[in-house]
Amino acid sequence: MMWDYNDSWVHGSTYGGWFMFIGFIAVIVAVVFLVVYLARQTSHPMGAGVQGAQGYSQGQIAPPAQESPREILKRRYASGEIEREEYLQKLTDL
């Protein structure tokens, strides 16, 4: 017969075509994830999960260095938070 509606991609199974389609999509998704994963692993010279010289792994931010009171005062004066007179007074107090 010319129009056989029971004929599918896998002869004898009506769901064979759908399984092949879903499998094809799964392969494409897996390849995309693999490419993204490899791109992220090689984008940083240290690689992911490798600890640097200070012991912090990639993606972690090192805690800020402790500022001395004089450095804090200089930073506040430089940013304009305090005036010159207040800066000089506090500098002599320190």
PDB file of N, CA and C in Angstrom:
ATOM      1  N   MET A   1       0.836  -1.163   0.000  1.00  0.00           N
ATOM      2  CA  MET A   1       0.000   0.000   0.000  1.00  0.00           C
ATOM      3  C   MET A   1       0.894   1.244   0.000  1.00  0.00           C
ATOM      4  N   MET A   2       0.477   2.244  -0.697  1.00  0.00           N
ATOM      5  CA  MET A   2       1.301   3.415  -0.860  1.00  0.00           C
ATOM      6  C   MET A   2       1.307   4.291   0.387  1.00  0.00           C
ATOM      7  N   TRP A   3       0.203   4.437   1.083  1.00  0.00           N
ATOM      8  CA  TRP A   3       0.115   5.282   2.262  1.00  0.00           C
ATOM      9  C   TRP A   3       0.003   4.407   3.500  1.00  0.00           C
ATOM     10  N   ASP A   4       1.137   4.014   4.020  1.00  0.00           N
ATOM     11  CA  ASP A   4       1.155   3.163   5.215  1.00  0.00           C
ATOM     12  C   ASP A   4       1.415   4.043   6.429  1.00  0.00           C
ATOM     13  N   TYR A   5       0.374   4.330   7.218  1.00  0.00           N
ATOM     14  CA  TYR A   5       0.507   5.240   8.352  1.00  0.00           C
ATOM     15  C   TYR A   5       1.196   4.595   9.537  1.00  0.00           C
ATOM     16  N   ASN A   6       1.354   3.305   9.577  1.00  0.00           N
ATOM     17  CA  ASN A   6       2.033   2.633  10.680  1.00  0.00           C
ATOM     18  C   ASN A   6       3.547   2.580  10.500  1.00  0.00           C
ATOM     19  N   ASP A   7       4.032   3.041   9.366  1.00  0.00           N
ATOM     20  CA  ASP A   7       5.470   3.014   9.106  1.00  0.00           C
ATOM     21  C   ASP A   7       6.117   4.205   9.815  1.00  0.00           C
ATOM     22  N   SER A   8       7.083   3.941  10.665  1.00  0.00           N
ATOM     23  CA  SER A   8       7.798   5.014  11.357  1.00  0.00           C
ATOM     24  C   SER A   8       9.277   4.874  11.078  1.00  0.00           C
ATOM     25  N   TRP A   9      10.094   5.689  11.726  1.00  0.00           N
ATOM     26  CA  TRP A   9      11.535   5.639  11.492  1.00  0.00           C
ATOM     27  C   TRP A   9      12.104   4.288  11.885  1.00  0.00           C
ATOM     28  N   VAL A  10      11.629   3.757  12.968  1.00  0.00           N
ATOM     29  CA  VAL A  10      12.017   2.406  13.375  1.00  0.00           C
ATOM     30  C   VAL A  10      10.818   1.535  13.061  1.00  0.00           C
ATOM     31  N   HIS A  11      10.912   0.734  12.041  1.00  0.00           N
ATOM     32  CA  HIS A  11       9.764  -0.031  11.550  1.00  0.00           C
ATOM     33  C   HIS A  11       9.203  -0.936  12.648  1.00  0.00           C
ATOM     34  N   GLY A  12       7.935  -0.834  12.892  1.00  0.00           N
ATOM     35  CA  GLY A  12       7.268  -1.668  13.858  1.00  0.00           C
ATOM     36  C   GLY A  12       6.988  -0.946  15.170  1.00  0.00           C
ATOM     37  N   SER A  13       7.545   0.242  15.391  1.00  0.00           N
ATOM     38  CA  SER A  13       7.318   0.994  16.624  1.00  0.00           C
ATOM     39  C   SER A  13       6.823   2.382  16.270  1.00  0.00           C
ATOM     40  N   THR A  14       5.718   2.782  16.853  1.00  0.00           N
ATOM     41  CA  THR A  14       5.172   4.098  16.537  1.00  0.00           C
ATOM     42  C   THR A  14       5.904   5.218  17.268  1.00  0.00           C
ATOM     43  N   TYR A  15       6.719   4.886  18.284  1.00  0.00           N
ATOM     44  CA  TYR A  15       7.434   5.905  19.043  1.00  0.00           C
ATOM     45  C   TYR A  15       8.909   6.001  18.657  1.00  0.00           C
ATOM     46  N   GLY A  16       9.365   5.219  17.715  1.00  0.00           N
ATOM     47  CA  GLY A  16      10.777   5.211  17.339  1.00  0.00           C
ATOM     48  C   GLY A  16      11.272   6.561  16.847  1.00  0.00           C
ATOM     49  N   GLY A  17      10.478   7.243  16.066  1.00  0.00           N
ATOM     50  CA  GLY A  17      10.861   8.562  15.548  1.00  0.00           C
ATOM     51  C   GLY A  17      11.045   9.576  16.658  1.00  0.00           C
ATOM     52  N   TRP A  18      10.154   9.542  17.640  1.00  0.00           N
ATOM     53  CA  TRP A  18      10.268  10.478  18.756  1.00  0.00           C
ATOM     54  C   TRP A  18      11.497  10.189  19.600  1.00  0.00           C
ATOM     55  N   PHE A  19      11.815   8.919  19.824  1.00  0.00           N
ATOM     56  CA  PHE A  19      13.009   8.582  20.600  1.00  0.00           C
ATOM     57  C   PHE A  19      14.272   9.039  19.882  1.00  0.00           C
ATOM     58  N   MET A  20      14.292   8.910  18.575  1.00  0.00           N
ATOM     59  CA  MET A  20      15.448   9.379  17.824  1.00  0.00           C
ATOM     60  C   MET A  20      15.568  10.896  17.895  1.00  0.00           C
ATOM     61  N   PHE A  21      14.433  11.588  17.800  1.00  0.00           N
ATOM     62  CA  PHE A  21      14.443  13.049  17.871  1.00  0.00           C
ATOM     63  C   PHE A  21      14.927  13.524  19.240  1.00  0.00           C
ATOM     64  N   ILE A  22      14.408  12.933  20.313  1.00  0.00           N
ATOM     65  CA  ILE A  22      14.812  13.310  21.674  1.00  0.00           C
ATOM     66  C   ILE A  22      16.287  12.977  21.902  1.00  0.00           C
ATOM     67  N   GLY A  23      16.739  11.844  21.386  1.00  0.00           N
ATOM     68  CA  GLY A  23      18.146  11.482  21.504  1.00  0.00           C
ATOM     69  C   GLY A  23      19.045  12.463  20.777  1.00  0.00           C
ATOM     70  N   PHE A  24      18.625  12.911  19.614  1.00  0.00           N
ATOM     71  CA  PHE A  24      19.393  13.889  18.846  1.00  0.00           C
ATOM     72  C   PHE A  24      19.499  15.203  19.606  1.00  0.00           C
ATOM     73  N   ILE A  25      18.406  15.668  20.171  1.00  0.00           N
ATOM     74  CA  ILE A  25      18.411  16.907  20.961  1.00  0.00           C
ATOM     75  C   ILE A  25      19.310  16.745  22.187  1.00  0.00           C
ATOM     76  N   ALA A  26      19.257  15.580  22.849  1.00  0.00           N
ATOM     77  CA  ALA A  26      20.093  15.338  24.031  1.00  0.00           C
ATOM     78  C   ALA A  26      21.578  15.384  23.671  1.00  0.00           C
ATOM     79  N   VAL A  27      21.941  14.854  22.532  1.00  0.00           N
ATOM     80  CA  VAL A  27      23.340  14.896  22.099  1.00  0.00           C
ATOM     81  C   VAL A  27      23.776  16.339  21.848  1.00  0.00           C
ATOM     82  N   ILE A  28      22.934  17.128  21.217  1.00  0.00           N
ATOM     83  CA  ILE A  28      23.267  18.530  20.964  1.00  0.00           C
ATOM     84  C   ILE A  28      23.433  19.288  22.275  1.00  0.00           C
ATOM     85  N   VAL A  29      22.526  19.089  23.227  1.00  0.00           N
ATOM     86  CA  VAL A  29      22.618  19.761  24.526  1.00  0.00           C
ATOM     87  C   VAL A  29      23.892  19.340  25.262  1.00  0.00           C
ATOM     88  N   ALA A  30      24.232  18.063  25.207  1.00  0.00           N
ATOM     89  CA  ALA A  30      25.446  17.582  25.873  1.00  0.00           C
ATOM     90  C   ALA A  30      26.699  18.207  25.266  1.00  0.00           C
ATOM     91  N   VAL A  31      26.733  18.342  23.955  1.00  0.00           N
ATOM     92  CA  VAL A  31      27.885  18.961  23.295  1.00  0.00           C
ATOM     93  C   VAL A  31      28.004  20.431  23.690  1.00  0.00           C
ATOM     94  N   VAL A  32      26.888  21.149  23.744  1.00  0.00           N
ATOM     95  CA  VAL A  32      26.916  22.559  24.139  1.00  0.00           C
ATOM     96  C   VAL A  32      27.420  22.690  25.571  1.00  0.00           C
ATOM     97  N   PHE A  33      26.924  21.862  26.489  1.00  0.00           N
ATOM     98  CA  PHE A  33      27.393  21.918  27.872  1.00  0.00           C
ATOM     99  C   PHE A  33      28.881  21.598  27.965  1.00  0.00           C
ATOM    100  N   LEU A  34      29.350  20.651  27.192  1.00  0.00           N
ATOM    101  CA  LEU A  34      30.763  20.292  27.199  1.00  0.00           C
ATOM    102  C   LEU A  34      31.627  21.455  26.717  1.00  0.00           C
ATOM    103  N   VAL A  35      31.196  22.131  25.666  1.00  0.00           N
ATOM    104  CA  VAL A  35      31.953  23.273  25.146  1.00  0.00           C
ATOM    105  C   VAL A  35      31.994  24.399  26.176  1.00  0.00           C
ATOM    106  N   VAL A  36      30.869  24.699  26.807  1.00  0.00           N
ATOM    107  CA  VAL A  36      30.830  25.755  27.823  1.00  0.00           C
ATOM    108  C   VAL A  36      31.710  25.380  29.012  1.00  0.00           C
ATOM    109  N   TYR A  37      31.657  24.136  29.445  1.00  0.00           N
ATOM    110  CA  TYR A  37      32.472  23.680  30.573  1.00  0.00           C
ATOM    111  C   TYR A  37      33.959  23.809  30.263  1.00  0.00           C
ATOM    112  N   LEU A  38      34.360  23.362  29.090  1.00  0.00           N
ATOM    113  CA  LEU A  38      35.772  23.455  28.720  1.00  0.00           C
ATOM    114  C   LEU A  38      36.219  24.901  28.553  1.00  0.00           C
ATOM    115  N   ALA A  39      35.349  25.755  28.046  1.00  0.00           N
ATOM    116  CA  ALA A  39      35.695  27.168  27.894  1.00  0.00           C
ATOM    117  C   ALA A  39      35.905  27.817  29.251  1.00  0.00           C
ATOM    118  N   ARG A  40      35.078  27.466  30.229  1.00  0.00           N
ATOM    119  CA  ARG A  40      35.245  28.034  31.576  1.00  0.00           C
ATOM    120  C   ARG A  40      36.494  27.506  32.259  1.00  0.00           C
ATOM    121  N   GLN A  41      36.834  26.255  32.030  1.00  0.00           N
ATOM    122  CA  GLN A  41      38.006  25.670  32.669  1.00  0.00           C
ATOM    123  C   GLN A  41      39.292  26.263  32.120  1.00  0.00           C
ATOM    124  N   THR A  42      39.318  26.591  30.865  1.00  0.00           N
ATOM    125  CA  THR A  42      40.546  27.084  30.249  1.00  0.00           C
ATOM    126  C   THR A  42      40.613  28.596  30.169  1.00  0.00           C
ATOM    127  N   SER A  43      39.566  29.305  30.573  1.00  0.00           N
ATOM    128  CA  SER A  43      39.564  30.766  30.452  1.00  0.00           C
ATOM    129  C   SER A  43      40.451  31.437  31.488  1.00  0.00           C
ATOM    130  N   HIS A  44      40.679  30.825  32.618  1.00  0.00           N
ATOM    131  CA  HIS A  44      41.514  31.398  33.671  1.00  0.00           C
ATOM    132  C   HIS A  44      42.830  30.634  33.701  1.00  0.00           C
ATOM    133  N   PRO A  45      43.965  31.342  33.764  1.00  0.00           N
ATOM    134  CA  PRO A  45      45.251  30.638  33.717  1.00  0.00           C
ATOM    135  C   PRO A  45      45.465  29.654  34.859  1.00  0.00           C
ATOM    136  N   MET A  46      44.867  29.927  36.013  1.00  0.00           N
ATOM    137  CA  MET A  46      45.058  29.022  37.152  1.00  0.00           C
ATOM    138  C   MET A  46      44.145  27.812  37.058  1.00  0.00           C
ATOM    139  N   GLY A  47      43.085  27.875  36.279  1.00  0.00           N
ATOM    140  CA  GLY A  47      42.121  26.785  36.213  1.00  0.00           C
ATOM    141  C   GLY A  47      41.167  26.859  37.384  1.00  0.00           C
ATOM    142  N   ALA A  48      40.051  26.185  37.281  1.00  0.00           N
ATOM    143  CA  ALA A  48      39.045  26.227  38.338  1.00  0.00           C
ATOM    144  C   ALA A  48      39.452  25.329  39.489  1.00  0.00           C
ATOM    145  N   GLY A  49      39.294  25.821  40.673  1.00  0.00           N
ATOM    146  CA  GLY A  49      39.548  25.017  41.851  1.00  0.00           C
ATOM    147  C   GLY A  49      41.005  24.969  42.270  1.00  0.00           C
ATOM    148  N   VAL A  50      41.887  25.541  41.492  1.00  0.00           N
ATOM    149  CA  VAL A  50      43.305  25.544  41.859  1.00  0.00           C
ATOM    150  C   VAL A  50      43.533  26.695  42.808  1.00  0.00           C
ATOM    151  N   GLN A  51      44.240  26.441  43.880  1.00  0.00           N
ATOM    152  CA  GLN A  51      44.461  27.491  44.861  1.00  0.00           C
ATOM    153  C   GLN A  51      45.658  28.333  44.466  1.00  0.00           C
ATOM    154  N   GLY A  52      45.504  29.617  44.654  1.00  0.00           N
ATOM    155  CA  GLY A  52      46.573  30.548  44.333  1.00  0.00           C
ATOM    156  C   GLY A  52      47.591  30.626  45.449  1.00  0.00           C
ATOM    157  N   ALA A  53      48.477  31.600  45.345  1.00  0.00           N
ATOM    158  CA  ALA A  53      49.573  31.741  46.301  1.00  0.00           C
ATOM    159  C   ALA A  53      49.063  32.084  47.699  1.00  0.00           C
ATOM    160  N   GLN A  54      47.925  32.769  47.789  1.00  0.00           N
ATOM    161  CA  GLN A  54      47.418  33.172  49.088  1.00  0.00           C
ATOM    162  C   GLN A  54      46.468  32.150  49.679  1.00  0.00           C
ATOM    163  N   GLY A  55      46.213  31.053  48.992  1.00  0.00           N
ATOM    164  CA  GLY A  55      45.363  30.000  49.525  1.00  0.00           C
ATOM    165  C   GLY A  55      43.896  30.159  49.216  1.00  0.00           C
ATOM    166  N   TYR A  56      43.527  31.106  48.359  1.00  0.00           N
ATOM    167  CA  TYR A  56      42.127  31.294  47.989  1.00  0.00           C
ATOM    168  C   TYR A  56      41.902  30.677  46.637  1.00  0.00           C
ATOM    169  N   SER A  57      40.856  29.865  46.498  1.00  0.00           N
ATOM    170  CA  SER A  57      40.578  29.243  45.213  1.00  0.00           C
ATOM    171  C   SER A  57      39.913  30.260  44.302  1.00  0.00           C
ATOM    172  N   GLN A  58      39.897  29.937  43.007  1.00  0.00           N
ATOM    173  CA  GLN A  58      39.324  30.837  42.029  1.00  0.00           C
ATOM    174  C   GLN A  58      37.852  31.064  42.351  1.00  0.00           C
ATOM    175  N   GLY A  59      37.415  32.286  42.214  1.00  0.00           N
ATOM    176  CA  GLY A  59      36.031  32.614  42.490  1.00  0.00           C
ATOM    177  C   GLY A  59      35.830  33.167  43.891  1.00  0.00           C
ATOM    178  N   GLN A  60      36.784  32.928  44.776  1.00  0.00           N
ATOM    179  CA  GLN A  60      36.687  33.480  46.117  1.00  0.00           C
ATOM    180  C   GLN A  60      37.436  34.804  46.158  1.00  0.00           C
ATOM    181  N   ILE A  61      36.891  35.738  46.888  1.00  0.00           N
ATOM    182  CA  ILE A  61      37.517  37.041  47.024  1.00  0.00           C
ATOM    183  C   ILE A  61      38.297  37.058  48.333  1.00  0.00           C
ATOM    184  N   ALA A  62      39.546  37.485  48.247  1.00  0.00           N
ATOM    185  CA  ALA A  62      40.378  37.564  49.442  1.00  0.00           C
ATOM    186  C   ALA A  62      39.841  38.670  50.339  1.00  0.00           C
ATOM    187  N   PRO A  63      39.885  38.484  51.639  1.00  0.00           N
ATOM    188  CA  PRO A  63      39.402  39.539  52.528  1.00  0.00           C
ATOM    189  C   PRO A  63      40.276  40.778  52.383  1.00  0.00           C
ATOM    190  N   PRO A  64      39.686  41.961  52.548  1.00  0.00           N
ATOM    191  CA  PRO A  64      40.479  43.181  52.397  1.00  0.00           C
ATOM    192  C   PRO A  64      41.560  43.250  53.470  1.00  0.00           C
ATOM    193  N   ALA A  65      42.677  43.822  53.087  1.00  0.00           N
ATOM    194  CA  ALA A  65      43.776  43.980  54.040  1.00  0.00           C
ATOM    195  C   ALA A  65      43.350  44.962  55.126  1.00  0.00           C
ATOM    196  N   GLN A  66      43.814  44.732  56.304  1.00  0.00           N
ATOM    197  CA  GLN A  66      43.473  45.594  57.433  1.00  0.00           C
ATOM    198  C   GLN A  66      44.156  46.942  57.251  1.00  0.00           C
ATOM    199  N   GLU A  67      43.372  48.002  57.217  1.00  0.00           N
ATOM    200  CA  GLU A  67      43.923  49.349  57.064  1.00  0.00           C
ATOM    201  C   GLU A  67      44.329  49.895  58.419  1.00  0.00           C
ATOM    202  N   SER A  68      45.428  50.601  58.407  1.00  0.00           N
ATOM    203  CA  SER A  68      45.847  51.270  59.648  1.00  0.00           C
ATOM    204  C   SER A  68      44.984  52.519  59.822  1.00  0.00           C
ATOM    205  N   PRO A  69      44.910  53.051  61.026  1.00  0.00           N
ATOM    206  CA  PRO A  69      44.112  54.262  61.246  1.00  0.00           C
ATOM    207  C   PRO A  69      44.582  55.435  60.388  1.00  0.00           C
ATOM    208  N   ARG A  70      45.884  55.545  60.180  1.00  0.00           N
ATOM    209  CA  ARG A  70      46.397  56.638  59.339  1.00  0.00           C
ATOM    210  C   ARG A  70      45.944  56.467  57.884  1.00  0.00           C
ATOM    211  N   GLU A  71      45.940  55.233  57.403  1.00  0.00           N
ATOM    212  CA  GLU A  71      45.489  54.997  56.028  1.00  0.00           C
ATOM    213  C   GLU A  71      44.010  55.311  55.868  1.00  0.00           C
ATOM    214  N   ILE A  72      43.223  54.965  56.887  1.00  0.00           N
ATOM    215  CA  ILE A  72      41.793  55.283  56.853  1.00  0.00           C
ATOM    216  C   ILE A  72      41.593  56.785  56.831  1.00  0.00           C
ATOM    217  N   LEU A  73      42.360  57.491  57.653  1.00  0.00           N
ATOM    218  CA  LEU A  73      42.261  58.940  57.714  1.00  0.00           C
ATOM    219  C   LEU A  73      42.659  59.565  56.371  1.00  0.00           C
ATOM    220  N   LYS A  74      43.747  59.073  55.780  1.00  0.00           N
ATOM    221  CA  LYS A  74      44.182  59.583  54.472  1.00  0.00           C
ATOM    222  C   LYS A  74      43.123  59.332  53.408  1.00  0.00           C
ATOM    223  N   ARG A  75      42.522  58.168  53.435  1.00  0.00           N
ATOM    224  CA  ARG A  75      41.499  57.829  52.450  1.00  0.00           C
ATOM    225  C   ARG A  75      40.276  58.727  52.612  1.00  0.00           C
ATOM    226  N   ARG A  76      39.864  58.971  53.840  1.00  0.00           N
ATOM    227  CA  ARG A  76      38.700  59.830  54.089  1.00  0.00           C
ATOM    228  C   ARG A  76      38.975  61.269  53.657  1.00  0.00           C
ATOM    229  N   TYR A  77      40.216  61.744  53.890  1.00  0.00           N
ATOM    230  CA  TYR A  77      40.577  63.110  53.478  1.00  0.00           C
ATOM    231  C   TYR A  77      40.644  63.191  51.950  1.00  0.00           C
ATOM    232  N   ALA A  78      41.210  62.174  51.323  1.00  0.00           N
ATOM    233  CA  ALA A  78      41.326  62.169  49.865  1.00  0.00           C
ATOM    234  C   ALA A  78      39.963  62.102  49.189  1.00  0.00           C
ATOM    235  N   SER A  79      39.005  61.414  49.800  1.00  0.00           N
ATOM    236  CA  SER A  79      37.681  61.314  49.187  1.00  0.00           C
ATOM    237  C   SER A  79      36.795  62.524  49.496  1.00  0.00           C
ATOM    238  N   GLY A  80      37.268  63.404  50.376  1.00  0.00           N
ATOM    239  CA  GLY A  80      36.510  64.615  50.681  1.00  0.00           C
ATOM    240  C   GLY A  80      35.525  64.449  51.812  1.00  0.00           C
ATOM    241  N   GLU A  81      35.627  63.376  52.570  1.00  0.00           N
ATOM    242  CA  GLU A  81      34.703  63.169  53.693  1.00  0.00           C
ATOM    243  C   GLU A  81      34.989  64.141  54.831  1.00  0.00           C
ATOM    244  N   ILE A  82      36.248  64.489  55.018  1.00  0.00           N
ATOM    245  CA  ILE A  82      36.620  65.396  56.107  1.00  0.00           C
ATOM    246  C   ILE A  82      37.429  66.553  55.533  1.00  0.00           C
ATOM    247  N   GLU A  83      37.433  67.669  56.254  1.00  0.00           N
ATOM    248  CA  GLU A  83      38.159  68.868  55.829  1.00  0.00           C
ATOM    249  C   GLU A  83      39.612  68.785  56.300  1.00  0.00           C
ATOM    250  N   ARG A  84      40.411  69.746  55.802  1.00  0.00           N
ATOM    251  CA  ARG A  84      41.846  69.756  56.111  1.00  0.00           C
ATOM    252  C   ARG A  84      42.103  69.925  57.605  1.00  0.00           C
ATOM    253  N   GLU A  85      41.376  70.816  58.243  1.00  0.00           N
ATOM    254  CA  GLU A  85      41.581  71.065  59.673  1.00  0.00           C
ATOM    255  C   GLU A  85      41.302  69.807  60.497  1.00  0.00           C
ATOM    256  N   GLU A  86      40.196  69.134  60.167  1.00  0.00           N
ATOM    257  CA  GLU A  86      39.855  67.910  60.884  1.00  0.00           C
ATOM    258  C   GLU A  86      40.906  66.817  60.619  1.00  0.00           C
ATOM    259  N   TYR A  87      41.382  66.767  59.371  1.00  0.00           N
ATOM    260  CA  TYR A  87      42.411  65.780  59.029  1.00  0.00           C
ATOM    261  C   TYR A  87      43.685  66.015  59.850  1.00  0.00           C
ATOM    262  N   LEU A  88      44.137  67.261  59.901  1.00  0.00           N
ATOM    263  CA  LEU A  88      45.375  67.573  60.638  1.00  0.00           C
ATOM    264  C   LEU A  88      45.197  67.329  62.128  1.00  0.00           C
ATOM    265  N   GLN A  89      44.025  67.663  62.666  1.00  0.00           N
ATOM    266  CA  GLN A  89      43.781  67.438  64.100  1.00  0.00           C
ATOM    267  C   GLN A  89      43.811  65.931  64.419  1.00  0.00           C
ATOM    268  N   LYS A  90      43.133  65.158  63.623  1.00  0.00           N
ATOM    269  CA  LYS A  90      43.103  63.720  63.867  1.00  0.00           C
ATOM    270  C   LYS A  90      44.470  63.080  63.628  1.00  0.00           C
ATOM    271  N   LEU A  91      45.228  63.627  62.685  1.00  0.00           N
ATOM    272  CA  LEU A  91      46.578  63.105  62.419  1.00  0.00           C
ATOM    273  C   LEU A  91      47.482  63.355  63.623  1.00  0.00           C
ATOM    274  N   THR A  92      47.382  64.505  64.245  1.00  0.00           N
ATOM    275  CA  THR A  92      48.179  64.764  65.454  1.00  0.00           C
ATOM    276  C   THR A  92      47.715  63.921  66.628  1.00  0.00           C
ATOM    277  N   ASP A  93      46.409  63.625  66.678  1.00  0.00           N
ATOM    278  CA  ASP A  93      45.893  62.781  67.747  1.00  0.00           C
ATOM    279  C   ASP A  93      46.419  61.346  67.625  1.00  0.00           C
ATOM    280  N   LEU A  94      46.611  60.907  66.411  1.00  0.00           N
ATOM    281  CA  LEU A  94      47.108  59.550  66.208  1.00  0.00           C
ATOM    282  C   LEU A  94      48.591  59.504  66.495  1.00  0.00           C
TER     283      LEU A  94
END
